[in-house]
Amino acid sequence: MEKNLTMLTDFYQLTMANGYFNNGMKDTIAYFDMFFRKVPDDGGYAIMAGVEQLVEYLEDLRFTDEDIAYLEGRGCFSKGFLDYLKNFRFECDVWAIPEGEIIFPGEPIVTVRGPIIQAQFIETMLLLTINHQSLIATKASRMVRAAEGRAVMEFGSRRAQGADGAILGARAAYIAGAAGTACVMSDRDYHVPALGTMAHSWVQSFDSEYESFKAYAETYPDACTVLVDTYNVLKSGVPNAIRVAKEVLEPAGHRLKGVRIDSGDIAYLSQQTRRMLDEAGLQDCGIVVSNSLDEFLVLDLLRQGACIDSFGIGERLITAKSAPVFGGVYKLVAIDDKQGGIIPKIKISENVDKITNPHFKQVWRLTDRSDGKYRADVLTLRDEVIDDTQPYLLFDPTHTWKRRTITDYEARPLQVQLFDKGVCVHKARDIQEIRAFCKECQGRIWNAVSRFENPHPYYVDLSQKLWDIKQRLLMENSR
């Protein structure tokens, strides 16, 4: 059953909306930005994901009779406000950085412009949707890079935080480069390839390990991968797998596809398994390993010379266990005045990282023409244009004496429009297209930025006009 998610919101979104309505502000046009302050796991970059689900939510935004009855029962909302919700129609403009693109702290990855009641109200679901999938996509990217070309399969459904965590987490992992998922619903609904073979219970259900492997081989002769660590990997699991390959599969013209190891000293067991398989003439039989892996364990296994062809990664991927919060926030950055101009707004804090960048903005990405690598991002006013036929001066917005003039670059705006006055103008993309785009974008990152330990900071600068406005607001509010 499909759910109407309109009421999946923080209660204060409704109390503020009621307040805006009762104070004659329901038609005030406001601008909000979603951005994040830090890459999870102290990484060098993150990956944008969840845009398609955000579009679906906004297209279905409506208040049902049951919603209105609930709100009326709370006794704190005016009749005029409730009547407004009964006839609610989404009317905002929405822009976002496309799914699969590389994103960095401080830059607006989603911008919303529209009546302040509406632009404010969608905060919760907007953050929930983009935060979750961007988190899992970013984590999956790290694990895929650690595997150095070997397949990484997402196997974490049973450890995910709820159904959506499993289903949409698998989608996000696939966008970032995972080979597939154990989650069947992700395959059915989002075309993420479902993968998997057997559990230990399958092996235990038969009179012997050999009989369990034989039955599986006879059932799936063209896709037979067996789990060899139920009893003893080297003494029984691998020998029985080889026996089935020789006695059952090969006489019928098939080959053993793989063996999976889920416990023990993975590095040692994989090396010995490879030796045994090769000696039996099964050089084409792959070795799959699992068992609570993450990107650092994957790297360590490969450094030890482990003989592994693919990885099944569960809880530490689907929950982003080491850094389970993406931390995206949603802040007011401007409102329209009554003459059609824009009044920039800023949030100030003693914590410098929490000071916002005001105004209606665009994100520009500057790419080196010589090698296609991303060189820097620049936040500008929405109506500014970066002319890439001319040299451009970059300067650190905090340490302003750090300056660099770049040439031979291509400048392109990153945000694209999803909604125009509430009407969806977004063209949905096939997940394979998103995945291919994400792979291309990751290939445009400098190695120094993508490394796991102490990545080089990527430049996200402000245009001179935007920097001047920010400094003026800081000075005005410091008096």
Protein backbone atom coordinates (compact mmCIF):
# COMPACT_ATOMS: atom_id res chain seq x y z
CA MET A 1 0.00 0.00 0.00
CA GLU A 2 1.29 3.43 -0.92
CA LYS A 3 1.39 5.93 1.88
CA ASN A 4 0.65 9.64 1.71
CA LEU A 5 3.80 11.07 3.30
CA THR A 6 2.58 14.66 3.62
CA MET A 7 2.30 14.35 7.40
CA LEU A 8 5.79 12.92 7.77
CA THR A 9 6.97 16.26 9.08
CA ASP A 10 8.13 17.89 12.30
CA PHE A 11 5.28 19.37 14.29
CA TYR A 12 6.90 22.78 14.37
CA GLN A 13 6.61 22.99 10.59
CA LEU A 14 2.84 23.08 11.12
CA THR A 15 2.90 25.48 14.05
CA MET A 16 5.11 27.86 12.04
CA ALA A 17 2.86 27.48 8.99
CA ASN A 18 -0.18 28.35 11.09
CA GLY A 19 1.70 31.35 12.45
CA TYR A 20 2.70 32.55 8.98
CA PHE A 21 -0.91 32.23 7.85
CA ASN A 22 -2.36 34.10 10.80
CA ASN A 23 0.21 36.89 10.46
CA GLY A 24 -0.60 37.56 6.82
CA MET A 25 2.61 35.99 5.53
CA LYS A 26 1.30 32.97 3.64
CA ASP A 27 2.17 34.56 0.28
CA THR A 28 5.62 35.83 1.31
CA ILE A 29 8.15 34.36 -1.11
CA ALA A 30 11.07 32.73 0.68
CA TYR A 31 14.27 31.02 -0.46
CA PHE A 32 15.69 27.99 1.36
CA ASP A 33 18.91 26.06 0.74
CA MET A 34 19.79 22.51 1.70
CA PHE A 35 23.50 21.99 2.25
CA PHE A 36 25.78 19.87 4.43
CA ARG A 37 28.75 20.91 6.51
CA LYS A 38 31.01 17.84 6.59
CA VAL A 39 31.65 14.76 4.45
CA PRO A 40 30.98 11.53 6.40
CA ASP A 41 34.04 9.55 7.53
CA ASP A 42 36.15 12.70 7.00
CA GLY A 43 36.10 11.91 3.30
CA GLY A 44 36.95 14.24 0.45
CA TYR A 45 33.60 14.26 -1.33
CA ALA A 46 30.00 13.05 -1.20
CA ILE A 47 27.52 11.83 -3.81
CA MET A 48 24.11 13.35 -4.46
CA ALA A 49 21.25 10.86 -4.29
CA GLY A 50 17.54 10.72 -3.54
CA VAL A 51 16.33 13.31 -6.07
CA GLU A 52 13.83 11.00 -7.76
CA GLN A 53 12.17 10.22 -4.42
CA LEU A 54 12.07 13.92 -3.53
CA VAL A 55 10.25 14.60 -6.81
CA GLU A 56 7.74 11.83 -6.07
CA TYR A 57 7.06 13.28 -2.62
CA LEU A 58 6.49 16.81 -3.90
CA GLU A 59 4.24 15.61 -6.72
CA ASP A 60 2.01 13.83 -4.20
CA LEU A 61 1.93 16.60 -1.59
CA ARG A 62 -1.66 16.95 -0.34
CA PHE A 63 -3.63 16.93 2.91
CA THR A 64 -6.30 14.25 3.22
CA ASP A 65 -9.53 14.54 5.18
CA GLU A 66 -7.93 12.35 7.85
CA ASP A 67 -4.97 14.75 8.06
CA ILE A 68 -7.26 17.75 8.49
CA ALA A 69 -9.33 15.94 11.14
CA TYR A 70 -6.17 15.10 13.08
CA LEU A 71 -4.91 18.68 12.97
CA GLU A 72 -8.30 20.04 13.96
CA GLY A 73 -8.29 17.69 16.92
CA ARG A 74 -5.03 19.17 18.20
CA GLY A 75 -6.93 22.39 18.94
CA CYS A 76 -4.06 24.76 18.12
CA PHE A 77 -4.64 25.57 14.45
CA SER A 78 -6.95 28.28 13.13
CA LYS A 79 -9.96 27.44 10.96
CA GLY A 80 -8.59 29.65 8.18
CA PHE A 81 -5.32 27.73 8.18
CA LEU A 82 -7.10 24.37 8.09
CA ASP A 83 -9.24 25.57 5.17
CA TYR A 84 -6.01 26.59 3.41
CA LEU A 85 -4.64 23.06 3.88
CA LYS A 86 -7.83 21.50 2.52
CA ASN A 87 -7.22 23.30 -0.78
CA PHE A 88 -3.45 23.01 -0.68
CA ARG A 89 -1.54 23.01 -3.97
CA PHE A 90 2.24 22.97 -4.13
CA GLU A 91 3.45 26.15 -5.85
CA CYS A 92 7.20 26.30 -5.24
CA ASP A 93 10.16 26.39 -7.61
CA VAL A 94 12.74 23.71 -6.79
CA TRP A 95 16.28 23.26 -8.07
CA ALA A 96 18.74 20.50 -7.21
CA ILE A 97 22.12 19.12 -8.17
CA PRO A 98 21.43 15.97 -10.23
CA GLU A 99 21.68 12.51 -8.73
CA GLY A 100 25.08 10.91 -9.10
CA GLU A 101 26.96 14.23 -9.14
CA ILE A 102 29.81 14.90 -6.72
CA ILE A 103 28.90 17.36 -3.96
CA PHE A 104 30.90 19.22 -1.34
CA PRO A 105 30.23 20.90 2.01
CA GLY A 106 28.72 24.36 2.06
CA GLU A 107 27.16 24.39 -1.39
CA PRO A 108 23.38 24.41 -1.91
CA ILE A 109 22.47 20.97 -3.22
CA VAL A 110 18.73 21.79 -3.19
CA THR A 111 17.16 25.26 -3.40
CA VAL A 112 13.46 25.99 -2.87
CA ARG A 113 11.70 29.23 -3.74
CA GLY A 114 8.03 29.82 -3.02
CA PRO A 115 5.37 30.76 -0.46
CA ILE A 116 7.07 30.57 2.92
CA ILE A 117 4.45 28.20 4.36
CA GLN A 118 5.17 25.66 1.65
CA ALA A 119 8.92 26.14 1.37
CA GLN A 120 9.23 25.75 5.14
CA PHE A 121 6.84 22.81 5.42
CA ILE A 122 8.75 20.43 3.09
CA GLU A 123 11.97 20.67 5.11
CA THR A 124 11.61 17.39 6.98
CA MET A 125 10.98 15.08 4.05
CA LEU A 126 13.44 16.91 1.83
CA LEU A 127 16.21 16.41 4.37
CA LEU A 128 15.19 12.85 5.19
CA THR A 129 15.20 11.82 1.54
CA ILE A 130 18.42 13.49 0.38
CA ASN A 131 20.35 12.88 3.62
CA HIS A 132 19.68 9.15 3.67
CA GLN A 133 20.46 8.26 0.08
CA SER A 134 23.41 10.64 -0.19
CA LEU A 135 24.85 9.05 2.96
CA ILE A 136 24.57 5.49 1.62
CA ALA A 137 25.78 6.44 -1.85
CA THR A 138 28.82 8.16 -0.34
CA LYS A 139 29.61 5.14 1.83
CA ALA A 140 29.17 2.74 -1.08
CA SER A 141 31.54 4.84 -3.17
CA ARG A 142 34.26 4.41 -0.55
CA MET A 143 33.78 0.64 -0.46
CA VAL A 144 33.73 0.30 -4.23
CA ARG A 145 36.95 2.29 -4.51
CA ALA A 146 38.56 0.17 -1.79
CA ALA A 147 37.71 -3.00 -3.76
CA GLU A 148 39.91 -1.80 -6.65
CA GLY A 149 37.74 -3.09 -9.47
CA ARG A 150 36.28 -6.11 -7.69
CA ALA A 151 32.51 -6.25 -7.41
CA VAL A 152 30.88 -5.02 -4.21
CA MET A 153 27.42 -6.41 -3.48
CA GLU A 154 25.07 -4.77 -0.99
CA PHE A 155 23.91 -7.51 1.41
CA GLY A 156 22.51 -5.49 4.31
CA SER A 157 18.70 -5.60 4.06
CA ARG A 158 18.20 -7.47 7.33
CA ARG A 159 20.34 -4.98 9.23
CA ALA A 160 18.88 -1.80 7.72
CA GLN A 161 16.88 0.73 9.74
CA GLY A 162 13.46 -0.18 8.41
CA ALA A 163 12.04 -1.10 5.04
CA ASP A 164 12.89 2.17 3.28
CA GLY A 165 16.41 1.97 4.68
CA ALA A 166 16.83 -1.38 2.95
CA ILE A 167 15.04 -0.63 -0.32
CA LEU A 168 16.25 2.90 -1.00
CA GLY A 169 19.64 2.24 0.58
CA ALA A 170 20.20 -0.47 -2.02
CA ARG A 171 19.20 1.99 -4.74
CA ALA A 172 21.71 4.57 -3.48
CA ALA A 173 24.49 1.99 -3.19
CA TYR A 174 23.90 0.87 -6.77
CA ILE A 175 24.06 4.44 -8.06
CA ALA A 176 27.48 4.80 -6.42
CA GLY A 177 28.88 1.64 -7.99
CA ALA A 178 27.70 -1.43 -6.06
CA ALA A 179 27.12 -4.39 -8.37
CA GLY A 180 23.72 -5.27 -6.95
CA THR A 181 21.77 -6.04 -3.80
CA ALA A 182 20.26 -8.87 -1.81
CA CYS A 183 17.00 -6.89 -1.62
CA VAL A 184 14.44 -8.26 -4.08
CA MET A 185 12.10 -5.27 -3.79
CA SER A 186 14.91 -2.94 -4.90
CA ASP A 187 15.23 -5.03 -8.03
CA ARG A 188 11.49 -5.09 -8.69
CA ASP A 189 10.88 -1.39 -8.04
CA TYR A 190 14.19 0.27 -8.96
CA HIS A 191 15.93 -2.28 -11.23
CA VAL A 192 18.88 -2.82 -8.90
CA PRO A 193 20.08 -6.35 -9.75
CA ALA A 194 19.12 -8.82 -7.01
CA LEU A 195 21.95 -11.24 -6.16
CA GLY A 196 22.38 -14.12 -3.75
CA THR A 197 22.84 -17.85 -3.37
CA MET A 198 22.33 -19.78 -0.14
CA ALA A 199 22.41 -19.45 3.65
CA HIS A 200 24.00 -21.75 6.20
CA SER A 201 20.52 -23.12 6.90
CA TRP A 202 20.42 -24.58 3.36
CA VAL A 203 23.61 -26.51 4.03
CA GLN A 204 22.40 -27.64 7.46
CA SER A 205 19.05 -28.82 6.09
CA PHE A 206 20.61 -31.73 4.19
CA ASP A 207 22.15 -34.95 5.52
CA SER A 208 25.58 -33.75 4.43
CA GLU A 209 27.32 -30.69 3.09
CA TYR A 210 28.00 -32.51 -0.16
CA GLU A 211 24.30 -33.33 -0.62
CA SER A 212 23.39 -29.65 -0.09
CA PHE A 213 25.91 -28.51 -2.72
CA LYS A 214 24.79 -31.24 -5.12
CA ALA A 215 21.12 -30.26 -4.80
CA TYR A 216 21.95 -26.61 -5.41
CA ALA A 217 24.11 -27.42 -8.42
CA GLU A 218 21.35 -29.52 -9.94
CA THR A 219 18.84 -26.71 -9.36
CA TYR A 220 21.05 -23.87 -10.63
CA PRO A 221 23.70 -25.43 -12.86
CA ASP A 222 24.51 -22.16 -14.66
CA ALA A 223 24.73 -20.03 -11.51
CA CYS A 224 26.12 -22.27 -8.78
CA THR A 225 27.93 -20.48 -5.97
CA VAL A 226 28.15 -22.43 -2.71
CA LEU A 227 28.75 -21.33 0.88
CA VAL A 228 31.78 -23.22 2.16
CA ASP A 229 32.18 -22.14 5.81
CA THR A 230 29.23 -23.87 7.51
CA TYR A 231 31.52 -26.55 8.98
CA ASN A 232 35.14 -26.22 7.90
CA VAL A 233 36.25 -24.22 4.87
CA LEU A 234 39.40 -26.11 3.95
CA LYS A 235 38.66 -29.60 5.25
CA SER A 236 35.13 -30.00 3.94
CA GLY A 237 33.65 -26.89 2.31
CA VAL A 238 36.07 -26.40 -0.56
CA PRO A 239 36.68 -30.15 -1.13
CA ASN A 240 32.92 -30.71 -1.38
CA ALA A 241 32.56 -27.78 -3.75
CA ILE A 242 35.29 -29.25 -5.97
CA ARG A 243 33.65 -32.68 -5.83
CA VAL A 244 30.31 -31.23 -6.96
CA ALA A 245 32.05 -29.36 -9.77
CA LYS A 246 33.68 -32.55 -11.01
CA GLU A 247 30.88 -35.05 -10.39
CA VAL A 248 27.76 -32.98 -11.10
CA LEU A 249 28.44 -29.81 -13.07
CA GLU A 250 31.25 -30.62 -15.48
CA PRO A 251 29.77 -33.91 -16.77
CA ALA A 252 26.66 -31.90 -17.71
CA GLY A 253 28.71 -29.19 -19.42
CA HIS A 254 28.60 -26.57 -16.62
CA ARG A 255 31.19 -24.89 -14.42
CA LEU A 256 31.20 -24.03 -10.74
CA LYS A 257 30.65 -20.28 -10.64
CA GLY A 258 31.95 -19.50 -7.16
CA VAL A 259 32.44 -20.23 -3.49
CA ARG A 260 31.61 -17.88 -0.64
CA ILE A 261 33.46 -17.53 2.66
CA ASP A 262 31.57 -15.80 5.46
CA SER A 263 33.78 -16.27 8.54
CA GLY A 264 37.27 -16.97 9.80
CA ASP A 265 40.64 -15.61 8.70
CA ILE A 266 39.45 -14.35 5.31
CA ALA A 267 42.91 -13.53 3.96
CA TYR A 268 44.39 -16.94 4.76
CA LEU A 269 41.28 -18.93 3.83
CA SER A 270 40.91 -17.16 0.49
CA GLN A 271 44.55 -17.84 -0.40
CA GLN A 272 44.26 -21.54 0.44
CA THR A 273 40.90 -21.79 -1.32
CA ARG A 274 42.39 -20.25 -4.46
CA ARG A 275 45.25 -22.74 -4.39
CA MET A 276 42.87 -25.70 -4.00
CA LEU A 277 40.53 -24.52 -6.75
CA ASP A 278 43.39 -23.86 -9.16
CA GLU A 279 44.92 -27.29 -8.52
CA ALA A 280 41.53 -28.80 -9.35
CA GLY A 281 41.40 -26.95 -12.66
CA LEU A 282 38.83 -24.43 -11.44
CA GLN A 283 40.80 -21.28 -12.17
CA ASP A 284 37.60 -19.60 -13.37
CA CYS A 285 35.74 -20.24 -10.11
CA GLY A 286 35.35 -16.97 -8.20
CA ILE A 287 35.81 -16.40 -4.48
CA VAL A 288 33.23 -14.25 -2.72
CA VAL A 289 33.76 -13.06 0.86
CA SER A 290 31.51 -11.38 3.37
CA ASN A 291 31.51 -11.08 7.20
CA SER A 292 31.07 -7.48 8.54
CA LEU A 293 33.36 -5.78 6.05
CA ASP A 294 34.00 -2.09 5.48
CA GLU A 295 36.31 -0.12 3.21
CA PHE A 296 39.29 -0.36 5.57
CA LEU A 297 38.94 -4.13 6.05
CA VAL A 298 38.61 -4.53 2.29
CA LEU A 299 41.81 -2.53 1.73
CA ASP A 300 43.60 -4.50 4.43
CA LEU A 301 42.58 -7.85 2.93
CA LEU A 302 43.88 -6.86 -0.47
CA ARG A 303 47.15 -5.61 1.01
CA GLN A 304 47.59 -9.03 2.63
CA GLY A 305 47.32 -10.66 -0.76
CA ALA A 306 43.87 -12.13 -0.21
CA CYS A 307 42.51 -13.94 -3.27
CA ILE A 308 39.07 -12.35 -3.58
CA ASP A 309 36.97 -11.72 -6.67
CA SER A 310 34.00 -9.97 -5.06
CA PHE A 311 32.73 -8.71 -1.72
CA GLY A 312 29.34 -8.97 -0.05
CA ILE A 313 28.99 -6.08 2.37
CA GLY A 314 26.06 -5.77 4.74
CA GLU A 315 25.46 -3.74 7.87
CA ARG A 316 28.43 -1.41 7.56
CA LEU A 317 27.23 -0.30 4.14
CA ILE A 318 23.45 -0.17 4.48
CA THR A 319 23.67 1.70 7.81
CA ALA A 320 26.88 3.65 7.04
CA LYS A 321 27.86 2.35 10.48
CA SER A 322 31.05 4.34 10.97
CA ALA A 323 29.35 7.70 10.23
CA PRO A 324 25.57 7.14 10.17
CA VAL A 325 24.46 10.77 9.77
CA PHE A 326 24.86 12.84 6.62
CA GLY A 327 24.07 16.10 8.40
CA GLY A 328 22.35 18.08 5.67
CA VAL A 329 20.49 21.17 6.91
CA TYR A 330 17.83 23.46 5.43
CA LYS A 331 18.14 27.19 6.02
CA LEU A 332 16.32 30.36 5.00
CA VAL A 333 18.64 32.44 2.80
CA ALA A 334 16.37 35.21 1.40
CA ILE A 335 12.86 36.56 1.04
CA ASP A 336 11.29 38.72 -1.66
CA ASP A 337 10.45 42.30 -0.80
CA LYS A 338 7.20 43.92 -1.95
CA GLN A 339 8.96 45.64 -4.87
CA GLY A 340 10.17 42.38 -6.41
CA GLY A 341 13.69 42.54 -5.01
CA ILE A 342 15.48 39.99 -2.86
CA ILE A 343 16.34 40.58 0.79
CA PRO A 344 19.25 38.28 1.73
CA LYS A 345 19.10 36.51 5.11
CA ILE A 346 21.94 35.06 7.14
CA LYS A 347 22.22 32.85 10.20
CA ILE A 348 25.12 33.86 12.45
CA SER A 349 26.78 31.69 15.07
CA GLU A 350 29.87 31.75 17.24
CA ASN A 351 30.59 28.46 15.51
CA VAL A 352 31.97 29.72 12.20
CA ASP A 353 30.92 26.52 10.40
CA LYS A 354 27.28 27.32 11.17
CA ILE A 355 27.26 30.77 9.55
CA THR A 356 25.20 30.47 6.38
CA ASN A 357 25.76 31.86 2.90
CA PRO A 358 22.89 34.25 2.14
CA HIS A 359 20.89 35.03 -1.00
CA PHE A 360 19.47 33.17 -3.99
CA LYS A 361 22.48 31.31 -5.38
CA GLN A 362 23.83 29.00 -8.06
CA VAL A 363 26.70 26.52 -7.82
CA TRP A 364 29.24 26.64 -10.63
CA ARG A 365 31.72 23.85 -11.26
CA LEU A 366 35.02 24.69 -12.91
CA THR A 367 36.55 21.78 -14.80
CA ASP A 368 40.07 21.63 -16.21
CA ARG A 369 39.86 21.44 -20.00
CA SER A 370 43.19 19.62 -20.27
CA ASP A 371 42.32 16.53 -18.20
CA GLY A 372 38.60 16.85 -17.35
CA LYS A 373 39.24 17.01 -13.61
CA TYR A 374 37.13 19.13 -11.27
CA ARG A 375 39.20 22.11 -10.10
CA ALA A 376 36.86 24.13 -7.88
CA ASP A 377 33.25 25.08 -7.19
CA VAL A 378 32.05 28.66 -6.89
CA LEU A 379 28.85 29.90 -5.25
CA THR A 380 27.46 32.93 -7.03
CA LEU A 381 24.33 35.03 -7.03
CA ARG A 382 21.71 33.31 -9.18
CA ASP A 383 21.96 35.91 -11.96
CA GLU A 384 25.76 35.85 -12.14
CA VAL A 385 27.47 34.10 -15.02
CA ILE A 386 31.05 32.83 -14.98
CA ASP A 387 32.62 33.52 -18.38
CA ASP A 388 35.01 30.61 -18.96
CA THR A 389 36.65 32.38 -21.86
CA GLN A 390 38.28 34.70 -19.31
CA PRO A 391 40.68 34.02 -16.41
CA TYR A 392 38.84 33.62 -13.09
CA LEU A 393 40.13 34.64 -9.67
CA LEU A 394 39.43 32.13 -6.91
CA PHE A 395 39.85 33.13 -3.28
CA ASP A 396 39.26 31.30 -0.03
CA PRO A 397 36.11 32.84 1.55
CA THR A 398 37.62 32.58 5.05
CA HIS A 399 41.34 33.01 4.43
CA THR A 400 40.93 35.60 1.72
CA TRP A 401 44.64 36.09 1.10
CA LYS A 402 44.71 32.61 -0.45
CA ARG A 403 44.07 33.45 -4.09
CA ARG A 404 44.59 31.76 -7.43
CA THR A 405 43.76 32.76 -10.98
CA ILE A 406 42.76 29.87 -13.23
CA THR A 407 42.59 29.62 -17.02
CA ASP A 408 41.73 26.91 -19.54
CA TYR A 409 38.66 25.74 -17.67
CA GLU A 410 35.00 25.02 -18.39
CA ALA A 411 32.33 26.54 -16.13
CA ARG A 412 28.87 25.03 -15.79
CA PRO A 413 26.00 25.60 -13.35
CA LEU A 414 25.21 22.50 -11.29
CA GLN A 415 21.65 23.05 -10.09
CA VAL A 416 18.86 22.11 -12.50
CA GLN A 417 15.16 22.90 -12.07
CA LEU A 418 12.81 20.22 -10.79
CA PHE A 419 9.60 22.25 -10.27
CA ASP A 420 8.35 25.48 -11.81
CA LYS A 421 5.62 27.04 -9.62
CA GLY A 422 4.68 23.59 -8.40
CA VAL A 423 4.66 21.94 -11.83
CA CYS A 424 7.21 19.15 -12.23
CA VAL A 425 9.64 19.90 -15.07
CA HIS A 426 12.07 17.19 -14.09
CA LYS A 427 12.82 14.46 -16.60
CA ALA A 428 13.30 11.19 -14.77
CA ARG A 429 16.44 9.24 -15.64
CA ASP A 430 16.87 5.48 -15.78
CA ILE A 431 18.94 4.18 -12.87
CA GLN A 432 21.56 2.85 -15.28
CA GLU A 433 21.98 6.34 -16.68
CA ILE A 434 22.36 7.79 -13.18
CA ARG A 435 24.86 5.08 -12.25
CA ALA A 436 26.95 5.69 -15.38
CA PHE A 437 26.87 9.44 -14.74
CA CYS A 438 28.02 8.88 -11.15
CA LYS A 439 30.93 6.73 -12.32
CA GLU A 440 31.97 9.44 -14.76
CA CYS A 441 31.78 12.13 -12.08
CA GLN A 442 33.86 10.10 -9.63
CA GLY A 443 36.51 9.73 -12.33
CA ARG A 444 36.83 13.52 -12.46
CA ILE A 445 38.03 13.83 -8.86
CA TRP A 446 41.72 14.32 -8.14
CA ASN A 447 43.32 11.38 -6.31
CA ALA A 448 44.38 13.73 -3.55
CA VAL A 449 40.73 14.63 -2.91
CA SER A 450 39.42 11.07 -3.06
CA ARG A 451 41.95 9.38 -0.77
CA PHE A 452 40.61 7.92 2.48
CA GLU A 453 43.15 9.42 4.87
CA ASN A 454 43.55 13.20 5.11
CA PRO A 455 42.04 14.05 1.72
CA HIS A 456 43.04 17.35 0.19
CA PRO A 457 40.27 19.93 0.67
CA TYR A 458 38.32 20.73 -2.47
CA TYR A 459 37.82 24.44 -3.11
CA VAL A 460 34.28 25.76 -2.65
CA ASP A 461 34.61 29.52 -2.99
CA LEU A 462 32.26 32.49 -3.15
CA SER A 463 32.02 35.03 -5.95
CA GLN A 464 33.13 38.53 -5.05
CA LYS A 465 29.53 39.82 -5.13
CA LEU A 466 28.27 37.07 -2.83
CA TRP A 467 31.21 37.47 -0.47
CA ASP A 468 30.58 41.23 -0.24
CA ILE A 469 26.90 40.68 0.65
CA LYS A 470 27.82 38.13 3.30
CA GLN A 471 30.38 40.46 4.87
CA ARG A 472 27.89 43.34 4.89
CA LEU A 473 25.30 41.23 6.71
CA LEU A 474 27.89 40.04 9.20
CA MET A 475 28.90 43.61 9.95
CA GLU A 476 25.31 44.82 10.23
CA ASN A 477 24.44 42.08 12.69
CA SER A 478 27.55 42.56 14.80
CA ARG A 479 26.73 46.09 15.88
